[in-house]
C-alpha atoms as a PDB file:
ATOM      1  CA  UNK A   1     157.517 137.266 304.974  1.00  0.00           C
ATOM      2  CA  UNK A   2     157.969 135.789 308.451  1.00  0.00           C
ATOM      3  CA  UNK A   3     157.057 139.093 310.044  1.00  0.00           C
ATOM      4  CA  UNK A   4     153.743 139.243 308.191  1.00  0.00           C
ATOM      5  CA  UNK A   5     152.863 135.664 309.252  1.00  0.00           C
ATOM      6  CA  UNK A   6     153.661 136.503 312.875  1.00  0.00           C
ATOM      7  CA  UNK A   7     151.643 139.729 312.638  1.00  0.00           C
ATOM      8  CA  UNK A   8     148.593 137.962 311.131  1.00  0.00           C
ATOM      9  CA  UNK A   9     148.830 135.207 313.746  1.00  0.00           C
ATOM     10  CA  UNK A  10     148.977 137.764 316.535  1.00  0.00           C
ATOM     11  CA  UNK A  11     145.895 139.557 315.212  1.00  0.00           C
ATOM     12  CA  UNK A  12     144.038 136.226 314.926  1.00  0.00           C
ATOM     13  CA  UNK A  13     144.909 135.340 318.532  1.00  0.00           C
ATOM     14  CA  UNK A  14     143.750 138.729 319.819  1.00  0.00           C
ATOM     15  CA  UNK A  15     140.463 138.557 317.899  1.00  0.00           C
ATOM     16  CA  UNK A  16     139.885 134.992 319.090  1.00  0.00           C
ATOM     17  CA  UNK A  17     140.469 136.037 322.671  1.00  0.00           C
ATOM     18  CA  UNK A  18     138.052 138.962 322.358  1.00  0.00           C
ATOM     19  CA  UNK A  19     135.367 136.786 320.786  1.00  0.00           C
ATOM     20  CA  UNK A  20     135.545 133.779 323.105  1.00  0.00           C
ATOM     21  CA  UNK A  21     136.313 135.392 326.452  1.00  0.00           C
ATOM     22  CA  UNK A  22     134.223 138.571 326.447  1.00  0.00           C
ATOM     23  CA  UNK A  23     130.747 136.973 326.427  1.00  0.00           C
ATOM     24  CA  UNK A  24     128.702 135.859 329.422  1.00  0.00           C
ATOM     25  CA  UNK A  25     129.548 132.513 331.010  1.00  0.00           C
ATOM     26  CA  UNK A  26     125.990 131.149 330.960  1.00  0.00           C
ATOM     27  CA  UNK A  27     122.591 131.693 329.422  1.00  0.00           C
ATOM     28  CA  UNK A  28     121.319 132.675 332.872  1.00  0.00           C
ATOM     29  CA  UNK A  29     123.770 135.587 333.131  1.00  0.00           C
ATOM     30  CA  UNK A  30     122.901 136.779 329.622  1.00  0.00           C
ATOM     31  CA  UNK A  31     119.174 136.499 330.416  1.00  0.00           C
ATOM     32  CA  UNK A  32     119.543 138.497 333.608  1.00  0.00           C
ATOM     33  CA  UNK A  33     121.513 141.243 331.851  1.00  0.00           C
ATOM     34  CA  UNK A  34     118.991 141.440 329.003  1.00  0.00           C
ATOM     35  CA  UNK A  35     116.041 141.817 331.380  1.00  0.00           C
ATOM     36  CA  UNK A  36     117.959 144.332 333.494  1.00  0.00           C
ATOM     37  CA  UNK A  37     118.645 146.490 330.423  1.00  0.00           C
ATOM     38  CA  UNK A  38     114.993 146.015 329.406  1.00  0.00           C
ATOM     39  CA  UNK A  39     113.850 147.576 332.681  1.00  0.00           C
ATOM     40  CA  UNK A  40     116.366 150.439 332.406  1.00  0.00           C
ATOM     41  CA  UNK A  41     115.668 151.334 328.777  1.00  0.00           C
ATOM     42  CA  UNK A  42     111.894 150.829 328.837  1.00  0.00           C
ATOM     43  CA  UNK A  43     111.564 154.433 330.044  1.00  0.00           C
ATOM     44  CA  UNK A  44     113.360 155.761 326.947  1.00  0.00           C
ATOM     45  CA  UNK A  45     112.235 153.261 324.296  1.00  0.00           C
ATOM     46  CA  UNK A  46     108.773 151.837 323.750  1.00  0.00           C
ATOM     47  CA  UNK A  47     107.953 148.224 322.929  1.00  0.00           C
ATOM     48  CA  UNK A  48     111.133 146.521 324.136  1.00  0.00           C
ATOM     49  CA  UNK A  49     111.439 142.776 324.587  1.00  0.00           C
ATOM     50  CA  UNK A  50     114.016 140.065 325.295  1.00  0.00           C
ATOM     51  CA  UNK A  51     114.241 136.853 323.329  1.00  0.00           C
ATOM     52  CA  UNK A  52     116.526 133.827 323.424  1.00  0.00           C
ATOM     53  CA  UNK A  53     118.167 132.751 320.159  1.00  0.00           C
ATOM     54  CA  UNK A  54     119.188 129.101 320.460  1.00  0.00           C
ATOM     55  CA  UNK A  55     121.055 128.962 317.150  1.00  0.00           C
ATOM     56  CA  UNK A  56     123.530 131.704 318.018  1.00  0.00           C
ATOM     57  CA  UNK A  57     123.580 131.201 321.824  1.00  0.00           C
ATOM     58  CA  UNK A  58     122.565 134.720 322.722  1.00  0.00           C
ATOM     59  CA  UNK A  59     119.809 136.762 324.275  1.00  0.00           C
ATOM     60  CA  UNK A  60     118.571 139.663 322.187  1.00  0.00           C
ATOM     61  CA  UNK A  61     117.115 142.937 323.416  1.00  0.00           C
ATOM     62  CA  UNK A  62     114.880 144.249 320.650  1.00  0.00           C
ATOM     63  CA  UNK A  63     112.358 146.980 319.934  1.00  0.00           C
ATOM     64  CA  UNK A  64     109.132 145.732 318.410  1.00  0.00           C
ATOM     65  CA  UNK A  65     108.314 146.999 314.939  1.00  0.00           C
ATOM     66  CA  UNK A  66     105.424 149.397 314.392  1.00  0.00           C
ATOM     67  CA  UNK A  67     102.985 149.202 311.447  1.00  0.00           C
ATOM     68  CA  UNK A  68     104.226 145.790 310.233  1.00  0.00           C
ATOM     69  CA  UNK A  69     107.875 146.934 310.163  1.00  0.00           C
ATOM     70  CA  UNK A  70     110.505 144.451 311.369  1.00  0.00           C
ATOM     71  CA  UNK A  71     111.828 144.608 314.907  1.00  0.00           C
ATOM     72  CA  UNK A  72     115.141 146.361 315.544  1.00  0.00           C
ATOM     73  CA  UNK A  73     117.880 144.711 317.610  1.00  0.00           C
ATOM     74  CA  UNK A  74     119.026 147.038 320.371  1.00  0.00           C
ATOM     75  CA  UNK A  75     121.703 144.799 321.923  1.00  0.00           C
ATOM     76  CA  UNK A  76     122.958 141.205 321.890  1.00  0.00           C
ATOM     77  CA  UNK A  77     124.153 139.241 324.924  1.00  0.00           C
ATOM     78  CA  UNK A  78     126.383 136.355 323.804  1.00  0.00           C
ATOM     79  CA  UNK A  79     127.138 133.454 326.109  1.00  0.00           C
END
């Protein structure tokens, strides 16, 4: 029983570390990365854009929908 509690705690600590310490340190860094990827991928994909989502603290690289279809998220940049 103690081993399973230790194992679950260890997994929770690792996941917490990955979530909180792998994002960008500021909105500026996330913005710069999003626009950099926008320039790189605009050759391959058409209708790309970057947008800032204030609720989730991230920049989103997306491909605009065609014929009234919803946009598709290409990548998220969490900060």
